[in-house]
Amino acid sequence: MSDSSQENAPTQTPEVVFLPDIAEKLPSDWSLSVNKEGSMDKQHRLQQESYELSHKRWRFNMIIVMAIVSLCFVFYLSYLTLTDPEIGINDKRWATVFVSSIVTGSIGFLTGKAVN
């Protein structure tokens, strides 16, 4: 009875398979790949990547808008300083530096080259 029970018992397979061992046994022109991603997983991954990309674009655009608003504010304050006749010459000097820096940087950004 014990012999027949051993014959009907399923053969045990190892639980751990080492892919490098299997890859060594393959011919050199064959390759081994594992694809566990199903169509639903792929669709979900692509949707997540799309959401992440749109969020990065939104964040970049908001940074650009905030930079432009800040520069416009500094430019406006510098312009007011330059045009006010009651403000001293020292204050007008730093305002001139700010205005020229903003104009030079804006021209460089628009043309894509550093303005010397």
C-alpha atoms as a PDB file:
ATOM      1  CA  MET A   1       0.000   0.000   0.000  1.00  0.00           C
ATOM      2  CA  SER A   2       2.787   2.360   0.731  1.00  0.00           C
ATOM      3  CA  ASP A   3       4.311   1.839  -2.732  1.00  0.00           C
ATOM      4  CA  SER A   4       1.099   2.813  -4.532  1.00  0.00           C
ATOM      5  CA  SER A   5       0.632   5.923  -2.390  1.00  0.00           C
ATOM      6  CA  GLN A   6       4.145   7.065  -3.260  1.00  0.00           C
ATOM      7  CA  GLU A   7       3.505   6.544  -6.967  1.00  0.00           C
ATOM      8  CA  ASN A   8       0.324   8.677  -6.894  1.00  0.00           C
ATOM      9  CA  ALA A   9       1.907  11.476  -4.855  1.00  0.00           C
ATOM     10  CA  PRO A  10       2.626  14.599  -6.898  1.00  0.00           C
ATOM     11  CA  THR A  11       6.241  15.349  -7.519  1.00  0.00           C
ATOM     12  CA  GLN A  12       7.553  18.274  -5.562  1.00  0.00           C
ATOM     13  CA  THR A  13       8.846  21.247  -7.477  1.00  0.00           C
ATOM     14  CA  PRO A  14      11.170  23.778  -5.936  1.00  0.00           C
ATOM     15  CA  GLU A  15       9.430  26.900  -4.618  1.00  0.00           C
ATOM     16  CA  VAL A  16      12.295  29.189  -5.577  1.00  0.00           C
ATOM     17  CA  VAL A  17      13.467  29.428  -9.163  1.00  0.00           C
ATOM     18  CA  PHE A  18      16.671  31.287  -9.905  1.00  0.00           C
ATOM     19  CA  LEU A  19      16.371  33.023 -13.272  1.00  0.00           C
ATOM     20  CA  PRO A  20      20.148  33.263 -13.817  1.00  0.00           C
ATOM     21  CA  ASP A  21      20.380  29.457 -13.622  1.00  0.00           C
ATOM     22  CA  ILE A  22      17.666  29.104 -16.237  1.00  0.00           C
ATOM     23  CA  ALA A  23      19.192  31.800 -18.435  1.00  0.00           C
ATOM     24  CA  GLU A  24      22.559  30.007 -18.445  1.00  0.00           C
ATOM     25  CA  LYS A  25      20.917  26.878 -19.866  1.00  0.00           C
ATOM     26  CA  LEU A  26      19.280  28.759 -22.762  1.00  0.00           C
ATOM     27  CA  PRO A  27      20.994  28.986 -26.149  1.00  0.00           C
ATOM     28  CA  SER A  28      22.818  32.254 -26.723  1.00  0.00           C
ATOM     29  CA  ASP A  29      20.309  33.580 -29.268  1.00  0.00           C
ATOM     30  CA  TRP A  30      17.339  33.113 -26.912  1.00  0.00           C
ATOM     31  CA  SER A  31      16.237  35.573 -24.261  1.00  0.00           C
ATOM     32  CA  LEU A  32      14.244  35.217 -21.097  1.00  0.00           C
ATOM     33  CA  SER A  33      11.679  37.843 -20.119  1.00  0.00           C
ATOM     34  CA  VAL A  34       8.924  38.035 -17.534  1.00  0.00           C
ATOM     35  CA  ASN A  35       5.823  40.104 -18.202  1.00  0.00           C
ATOM     36  CA  LYS A  36       3.472  40.263 -15.249  1.00  0.00           C
ATOM     37  CA  GLU A  37       1.606  43.396 -16.340  1.00  0.00           C
ATOM     38  CA  GLY A  38      -1.886  42.742 -17.617  1.00  0.00           C
ATOM     39  CA  SER A  39      -3.964  45.023 -19.793  1.00  0.00           C
ATOM     40  CA  MET A  40      -5.797  46.546 -16.815  1.00  0.00           C
ATOM     41  CA  ASP A  41      -2.500  47.154 -15.017  1.00  0.00           C
ATOM     42  CA  LYS A  42      -1.005  48.752 -18.107  1.00  0.00           C
ATOM     43  CA  GLN A  43      -4.029  51.005 -18.564  1.00  0.00           C
ATOM     44  CA  HIS A  44      -3.870  52.072 -14.908  1.00  0.00           C
ATOM     45  CA  ARG A  45      -0.110  52.707 -15.100  1.00  0.00           C
ATOM     46  CA  LEU A  46      -0.499  54.825 -18.244  1.00  0.00           C
ATOM     47  CA  GLN A  47      -3.298  56.814 -16.627  1.00  0.00           C
ATOM     48  CA  GLN A  48      -1.167  57.428 -13.517  1.00  0.00           C
ATOM     49  CA  GLU A  49       1.762  58.550 -15.672  1.00  0.00           C
ATOM     50  CA  SER A  50      -0.555  60.924 -17.529  1.00  0.00           C
ATOM     51  CA  TYR A  51      -1.815  62.427 -14.244  1.00  0.00           C
ATOM     52  CA  GLU A  52       1.745  62.814 -12.951  1.00  0.00           C
ATOM     53  CA  LEU A  53       2.874  64.506 -16.159  1.00  0.00           C
ATOM     54  CA  SER A  54      -0.043  66.953 -16.121  1.00  0.00           C
ATOM     55  CA  HIS A  55       0.673  67.756 -12.454  1.00  0.00           C
ATOM     56  CA  LYS A  56       4.339  68.443 -13.257  1.00  0.00           C
ATOM     57  CA  ARG A  57       3.288  70.741 -16.098  1.00  0.00           C
ATOM     58  CA  TRP A  58       0.826  72.582 -13.846  1.00  0.00           C
ATOM     59  CA  ARG A  59       3.455  72.986 -11.126  1.00  0.00           C
ATOM     60  CA  PHE A  60       6.037  74.277 -13.629  1.00  0.00           C
ATOM     61  CA  ASN A  61       3.529  76.747 -15.082  1.00  0.00           C
ATOM     62  CA  MET A  62       2.614  78.012 -11.609  1.00  0.00           C
ATOM     63  CA  ILE A  63       6.298  78.544 -10.773  1.00  0.00           C
ATOM     64  CA  ILE A  64       6.743  80.527 -13.989  1.00  0.00           C
ATOM     65  CA  VAL A  65       3.631  82.621 -13.274  1.00  0.00           C
ATOM     66  CA  MET A  66       4.791  83.359  -9.719  1.00  0.00           C
ATOM     67  CA  ALA A  67       8.241  84.357 -10.977  1.00  0.00           C
ATOM     68  CA  ILE A  68       6.739  86.686 -13.564  1.00  0.00           C
ATOM     69  CA  VAL A  69       4.396  88.261 -10.993  1.00  0.00           C
ATOM     70  CA  SER A  70       7.301  88.771  -8.572  1.00  0.00           C
ATOM     71  CA  LEU A  71       9.448  90.344 -11.261  1.00  0.00           C
ATOM     72  CA  CYS A  72       6.615  92.631 -12.315  1.00  0.00           C
ATOM     73  CA  PHE A  73       6.136  93.725  -8.699  1.00  0.00           C
ATOM     74  CA  VAL A  74       9.843  94.509  -8.255  1.00  0.00           C
ATOM     75  CA  PHE A  75       9.873  96.276 -11.624  1.00  0.00           C
ATOM     76  CA  TYR A  76       6.851  98.369 -10.626  1.00  0.00           C
ATOM     77  CA  LEU A  77       8.414  99.380  -7.305  1.00  0.00           C
ATOM     78  CA  SER A  78      11.676 100.242  -9.040  1.00  0.00           C
ATOM     79  CA  TYR A  79       9.821 102.271 -11.646  1.00  0.00           C
ATOM     80  CA  LEU A  80       8.006 104.202  -8.926  1.00  0.00           C
ATOM     81  CA  THR A  81      11.324 104.859  -7.227  1.00  0.00           C
ATOM     82  CA  LEU A  82      12.884 106.124 -10.446  1.00  0.00           C
ATOM     83  CA  THR A  83      10.027 108.446 -11.361  1.00  0.00           C
ATOM     84  CA  ASP A  84       9.454 109.972  -7.915  1.00  0.00           C
ATOM     85  CA  PRO A  85      11.232 113.354  -7.747  1.00  0.00           C
ATOM     86  CA  GLU A  86      11.416 113.340  -3.936  1.00  0.00           C
ATOM     87  CA  ILE A  87      13.558 110.195  -3.683  1.00  0.00           C
ATOM     88  CA  GLY A  88      17.321 110.572  -3.333  1.00  0.00           C
ATOM     89  CA  ILE A  89      19.967 109.607  -5.856  1.00  0.00           C
ATOM     90  CA  ASN A  90      21.177 106.557  -3.878  1.00  0.00           C
ATOM     91  CA  ASP A  91      17.715 104.984  -3.967  1.00  0.00           C
ATOM     92  CA  LYS A  92      17.452 105.665  -7.669  1.00  0.00           C
ATOM     93  CA  ARG A  93      20.779 103.890  -8.253  1.00  0.00           C
ATOM     94  CA  TRP A  94      19.586 100.583  -6.801  1.00  0.00           C
ATOM     95  CA  ALA A  95      16.287 100.949  -8.633  1.00  0.00           C
ATOM     96  CA  THR A  96      18.219 101.408 -11.885  1.00  0.00           C
ATOM     97  CA  VAL A  97      20.154  98.205 -11.180  1.00  0.00           C
ATOM     98  CA  PHE A  98      16.924  96.262 -10.624  1.00  0.00           C
ATOM     99  CA  VAL A  99      15.264  97.622 -13.738  1.00  0.00           C
ATOM    100  CA  SER A 100      18.273  96.914 -15.945  1.00  0.00           C
ATOM    101  CA  SER A 101      18.631  93.395 -14.524  1.00  0.00           C
ATOM    102  CA  ILE A 102      14.979  92.598 -15.112  1.00  0.00           C
ATOM    103  CA  VAL A 103      15.051  93.961 -18.666  1.00  0.00           C
ATOM    104  CA  THR A 104      18.303  92.151 -19.498  1.00  0.00           C
ATOM    105  CA  GLY A 105      17.039  88.870 -18.027  1.00  0.00           C
ATOM    106  CA  SER A 106      13.729  89.178 -19.867  1.00  0.00           C
ATOM    107  CA  ILE A 107      15.441  89.784 -23.199  1.00  0.00           C
ATOM    108  CA  GLY A 108      17.792  86.858 -22.533  1.00  0.00           C
ATOM    109  CA  PHE A 109      14.893  84.577 -21.625  1.00  0.00           C
ATOM    110  CA  LEU A 110      12.902  85.552 -24.724  1.00  0.00           C
ATOM    111  CA  THR A 111      15.812  85.136 -27.119  1.00  0.00           C
ATOM    112  CA  GLY A 112      17.326  82.113 -25.394  1.00  0.00           C
ATOM    113  CA  LYS A 113      20.773  83.704 -25.213  1.00  0.00           C
ATOM    114  CA  ALA A 114      22.630  85.627 -22.542  1.00  0.00           C
ATOM    115  CA  VAL A 115      22.653  89.337 -23.272  1.00  0.00           C
ATOM    116  CA  ASN A 116      26.086  90.878 -22.688  1.00  0.00           C
END
